[in-house]
Amino acid sequence: MKHVCPHCKAPGIKSLAKRWSGRATPAECSVCGGLSHVLASTNSGIWIAGIVIFMGSLIGALVLHSVLLFASGVVLVAAFNVLAWRRAKLYPISRESAGNAARAGWFVAGACAFIALFR
């Protein structure tokens, strides 16, 4: 399945590219070559909601001794994940902005590694 590019409005962004897109690693449209990404808050929200649903079903299944409750929780997590990623909106980003975000990410990672060396 391909998603609609916010630049050219054509279906040119693959599902996996959309799922792994961010400011530093945007998805590229196969039609126009434009870059776009899903907001970090949306990305994090989808993952956190999935974890909460999973843990809720796991704890409920352990308390109630119900494998069926756990299995239904896993199915619910999978369905939620698919639907949430289909609804997640892509935002256009310029190549310069994506490059700056990637450099900033590497700088922060390097600073954290440097601080960890002297801790």
C-alpha atoms as a PDB file:
ATOM      1  CA  MET A   1       0.000   0.000   0.000  1.00  0.00           C
ATOM      2  CA  LYS A   2       1.215   3.469  -0.833  1.00  0.00           C
ATOM      3  CA  HIS A   3       0.291   6.677   0.942  1.00  0.00           C
ATOM      4  CA  VAL A   4      -0.447  10.102  -0.540  1.00  0.00           C
ATOM      5  CA  CYS A   5       2.536  12.446  -0.797  1.00  0.00           C
ATOM      6  CA  PRO A   6       1.841  15.904   0.700  1.00  0.00           C
ATOM      7  CA  HIS A   7       3.870  17.516  -2.119  1.00  0.00           C
ATOM      8  CA  CYS A   8       2.332  16.065  -5.297  1.00  0.00           C
ATOM      9  CA  LYS A   9      -0.853  14.463  -3.850  1.00  0.00           C
ATOM     10  CA  ALA A  10      -0.022  11.180  -5.630  1.00  0.00           C
ATOM     11  CA  PRO A  11       0.313   7.782  -3.914  1.00  0.00           C
ATOM     12  CA  GLY A  12       4.094   7.521  -3.807  1.00  0.00           C
ATOM     13  CA  ILE A  13       5.164   6.773  -0.217  1.00  0.00           C
ATOM     14  CA  LYS A  14       5.497   3.167   0.915  1.00  0.00           C
ATOM     15  CA  SER A  15       4.011   2.023   4.232  1.00  0.00           C
ATOM     16  CA  LEU A  16       7.341   1.050   5.811  1.00  0.00           C
ATOM     17  CA  ALA A  17       8.917   4.332   4.748  1.00  0.00           C
ATOM     18  CA  LYS A  18       6.037   6.167   6.431  1.00  0.00           C
ATOM     19  CA  ARG A  19       6.370   4.108   9.638  1.00  0.00           C
ATOM     20  CA  TRP A  20      10.100   4.810   9.987  1.00  0.00           C
ATOM     21  CA  SER A  21       9.987   8.428   8.873  1.00  0.00           C
ATOM     22  CA  GLY A  22      11.067  11.251  11.125  1.00  0.00           C
ATOM     23  CA  ARG A  23      12.588  14.707  10.755  1.00  0.00           C
ATOM     24  CA  ALA A  24      16.086  13.247  10.409  1.00  0.00           C
ATOM     25  CA  THR A  25      15.005  10.305   8.220  1.00  0.00           C
ATOM     26  CA  PRO A  26      12.080  11.457   6.049  1.00  0.00           C
ATOM     27  CA  ALA A  27      10.226   9.245   3.590  1.00  0.00           C
ATOM     28  CA  GLU A  28      10.830  10.007  -0.084  1.00  0.00           C
ATOM     29  CA  CYS A  29       8.031  10.041  -2.648  1.00  0.00           C
ATOM     30  CA  SER A  30       8.683   7.719  -5.583  1.00  0.00           C
ATOM     31  CA  VAL A  31       6.693  10.038  -7.885  1.00  0.00           C
ATOM     32  CA  CYS A  32       8.045  13.541  -7.209  1.00  0.00           C
ATOM     33  CA  GLY A  33      11.048  12.888  -4.931  1.00  0.00           C
ATOM     34  CA  GLY A  34       9.649  15.142  -2.188  1.00  0.00           C
ATOM     35  CA  LEU A  35      10.453  14.409   1.448  1.00  0.00           C
ATOM     36  CA  SER A  36       7.872  14.070   4.210  1.00  0.00           C
ATOM     37  CA  HIS A  37       7.666  12.749   7.754  1.00  0.00           C
ATOM     38  CA  VAL A  38       5.256  11.788  10.532  1.00  0.00           C
ATOM     39  CA  LEU A  39       5.476  14.017  13.622  1.00  0.00           C
ATOM     40  CA  ALA A  40       7.457  12.553  16.513  1.00  0.00           C
ATOM     41  CA  SER A  41       4.496  13.017  18.855  1.00  0.00           C
ATOM     42  CA  THR A  42       2.250  10.935  16.586  1.00  0.00           C
ATOM     43  CA  ASN A  43       4.916   8.258  16.207  1.00  0.00           C
ATOM     44  CA  SER A  44       5.481   8.065  19.967  1.00  0.00           C
ATOM     45  CA  GLY A  45       1.761   8.122  20.696  1.00  0.00           C
ATOM     46  CA  ILE A  46       1.099   5.127  18.476  1.00  0.00           C
ATOM     47  CA  TRP A  47       3.870   3.099  20.097  1.00  0.00           C
ATOM     48  CA  ILE A  48       2.911   4.083  23.658  1.00  0.00           C
ATOM     49  CA  ALA A  49      -0.779   3.312  23.083  1.00  0.00           C
ATOM     50  CA  GLY A  50       0.191  -0.106  21.705  1.00  0.00           C
ATOM     51  CA  ILE A  51       2.359  -0.820  24.735  1.00  0.00           C
ATOM     52  CA  VAL A  52      -0.400   0.292  27.147  1.00  0.00           C
ATOM     53  CA  ILE A  53      -2.990  -1.938  25.432  1.00  0.00           C
ATOM     54  CA  PHE A  54      -0.568  -4.878  25.416  1.00  0.00           C
ATOM     55  CA  MET A  55       0.420  -4.483  29.066  1.00  0.00           C
ATOM     56  CA  GLY A  56      -3.218  -4.016  30.101  1.00  0.00           C
ATOM     57  CA  SER A  57      -4.225  -7.234  28.384  1.00  0.00           C
ATOM     58  CA  LEU A  58      -1.213  -9.058  29.836  1.00  0.00           C
ATOM     59  CA  ILE A  59      -1.927  -7.926  33.405  1.00  0.00           C
ATOM     60  CA  GLY A  60      -5.644  -8.632  32.983  1.00  0.00           C
ATOM     61  CA  ALA A  61      -4.876 -12.101  31.619  1.00  0.00           C
ATOM     62  CA  LEU A  62      -2.534 -12.865  34.517  1.00  0.00           C
ATOM     63  CA  VAL A  63      -5.031 -11.657  37.124  1.00  0.00           C
ATOM     64  CA  LEU A  64      -8.011 -13.443  35.567  1.00  0.00           C
ATOM     65  CA  HIS A  65      -6.038 -16.498  34.325  1.00  0.00           C
ATOM     66  CA  SER A  66      -7.418 -15.956  30.823  1.00  0.00           C
ATOM     67  CA  VAL A  67      -5.405 -16.740  27.721  1.00  0.00           C
ATOM     68  CA  LEU A  68      -8.325 -15.493  25.647  1.00  0.00           C
ATOM     69  CA  LEU A  69      -8.019 -12.004  27.172  1.00  0.00           C
ATOM     70  CA  PHE A  70      -4.312 -11.878  26.309  1.00  0.00           C
ATOM     71  CA  ALA A  71      -4.913 -13.143  22.755  1.00  0.00           C
ATOM     72  CA  SER A  72      -7.651 -10.561  22.199  1.00  0.00           C
ATOM     73  CA  GLY A  73      -5.283  -7.864  23.510  1.00  0.00           C
ATOM     74  CA  VAL A  74      -2.597  -8.885  21.007  1.00  0.00           C
ATOM     75  CA  VAL A  75      -5.139  -8.777  18.169  1.00  0.00           C
ATOM     76  CA  LEU A  76      -6.329  -5.373  19.378  1.00  0.00           C
ATOM     77  CA  VAL A  77      -2.752  -4.047  19.447  1.00  0.00           C
ATOM     78  CA  ALA A  78      -2.123  -5.255  15.890  1.00  0.00           C
ATOM     79  CA  ALA A  79      -5.393  -3.773  14.585  1.00  0.00           C
ATOM     80  CA  PHE A  80      -4.795  -0.462  16.384  1.00  0.00           C
ATOM     81  CA  ASN A  81      -1.246  -0.249  15.006  1.00  0.00           C
ATOM     82  CA  VAL A  82      -2.364  -0.792  11.406  1.00  0.00           C
ATOM     83  CA  LEU A  83      -5.253   1.688  11.642  1.00  0.00           C
ATOM     84  CA  ALA A  84      -3.248   4.344  13.483  1.00  0.00           C
ATOM     85  CA  TRP A  85      -0.431   4.257  10.932  1.00  0.00           C
ATOM     86  CA  ARG A  86      -2.919   4.510   8.066  1.00  0.00           C
ATOM     87  CA  ARG A  87      -4.392   7.643   9.663  1.00  0.00           C
ATOM     88  CA  ALA A  88      -1.054   9.235  10.603  1.00  0.00           C
ATOM     89  CA  LYS A  89      -0.550  12.432   8.621  1.00  0.00           C
ATOM     90  CA  LEU A  90       2.597  13.104   6.605  1.00  0.00           C
ATOM     91  CA  TYR A  91       4.103  16.589   6.731  1.00  0.00           C
ATOM     92  CA  PRO A  92       6.403  17.956   4.005  1.00  0.00           C
ATOM     93  CA  ILE A  93       9.996  18.771   4.917  1.00  0.00           C
ATOM     94  CA  SER A  94      12.816  20.297   2.878  1.00  0.00           C
ATOM     95  CA  ARG A  95      16.093  18.488   2.247  1.00  0.00           C
ATOM     96  CA  GLU A  96      17.949  21.226   4.119  1.00  0.00           C
ATOM     97  CA  SER A  97      15.724  20.851   7.190  1.00  0.00           C
ATOM     98  CA  ALA A  98      16.108  17.058   7.138  1.00  0.00           C
ATOM     99  CA  GLY A  99      19.889  17.404   6.901  1.00  0.00           C
ATOM    100  CA  ASN A 100      19.950  19.843   9.810  1.00  0.00           C
ATOM    101  CA  ALA A 101      17.814  17.481  11.915  1.00  0.00           C
ATOM    102  CA  ALA A 102      20.146  14.572  11.124  1.00  0.00           C
ATOM    103  CA  ARG A 103      23.222  16.602  12.081  1.00  0.00           C
ATOM    104  CA  ALA A 104      21.555  17.735  15.313  1.00  0.00           C
ATOM    105  CA  GLY A 105      20.693  14.123  16.140  1.00  0.00           C
ATOM    106  CA  TRP A 106      24.281  12.990  15.619  1.00  0.00           C
ATOM    107  CA  PHE A 107      25.545  15.926  17.688  1.00  0.00           C
ATOM    108  CA  VAL A 108      23.260  15.022  20.603  1.00  0.00           C
ATOM    109  CA  ALA A 109      24.254  11.345  20.369  1.00  0.00           C
ATOM    110  CA  GLY A 110      27.939  12.314  20.352  1.00  0.00           C
ATOM    111  CA  ALA A 111      27.503  14.650  23.316  1.00  0.00           C
ATOM    112  CA  CYS A 112      25.714  11.915  25.285  1.00  0.00           C
ATOM    113  CA  ALA A 113      28.466   9.423  24.483  1.00  0.00           C
ATOM    114  CA  PHE A 114      31.132  11.951  25.509  1.00  0.00           C
ATOM    115  CA  ILE A 115      29.381  12.672  28.802  1.00  0.00           C
ATOM    116  CA  ALA A 116      28.949   8.939  29.446  1.00  0.00           C
ATOM    117  CA  LEU A 117      32.697   8.405  29.051  1.00  0.00           C
ATOM    118  CA  PHE A 118      33.500  10.766  31.925  1.00  0.00           C
ATOM    119  CA  ARG A 119      30.714   9.812  34.266  1.00  0.00           C
END
